[in-house]
Amino acid sequence: QLKLMESGGGLVQPGGSLRLSCSASAPSAFTFHYYTIAWFRQAPGKEREEVSCINMKGDRTNYADSVKGRFTISRDNANDTAYLQMGTLKPEDTAVYYCAADTLPCATMTPPNIRYWGQGTQVTVSS
């Protein structure tokens, strides 16, 4: 059973930056680079949407149009951690951000298919 824990959320002014981290652990030995990692977000009253995804090796990424050019996803397989660097933040980026993992390609990392989720971290962009 893979456990994911997000950190790094908070309150930031419009135009500011935040870096979210997603740390993975398990009660028994696991191989982090067997898992694709995706970041999702959910704003109040809205459906959960995918923000970004990174493949197992970390050499392929994709982004929602709304964050392209502003957010960067990355992973450190040696330390079982993934990141979401968020820049030029806008009020509409306000949401709970979730880290997700599964042994699937990014193209099929949709919520019903994903087995492992973090508890979420709140990001609020406001002046």
Foldseek 3Di string as FASTA:
>chain_A
DKAKAKDWADEAAQQAKIKIKIAIDDPDDDQLLLKKKWKWWDDPPDDIGTAKIAHSVRPDMDGDPVQPPFWDKGDDRVRRMIMIIGGSDDQVVWTWMKMFIDNDPPVPPDVVVTDYIYPTDTHGYHD
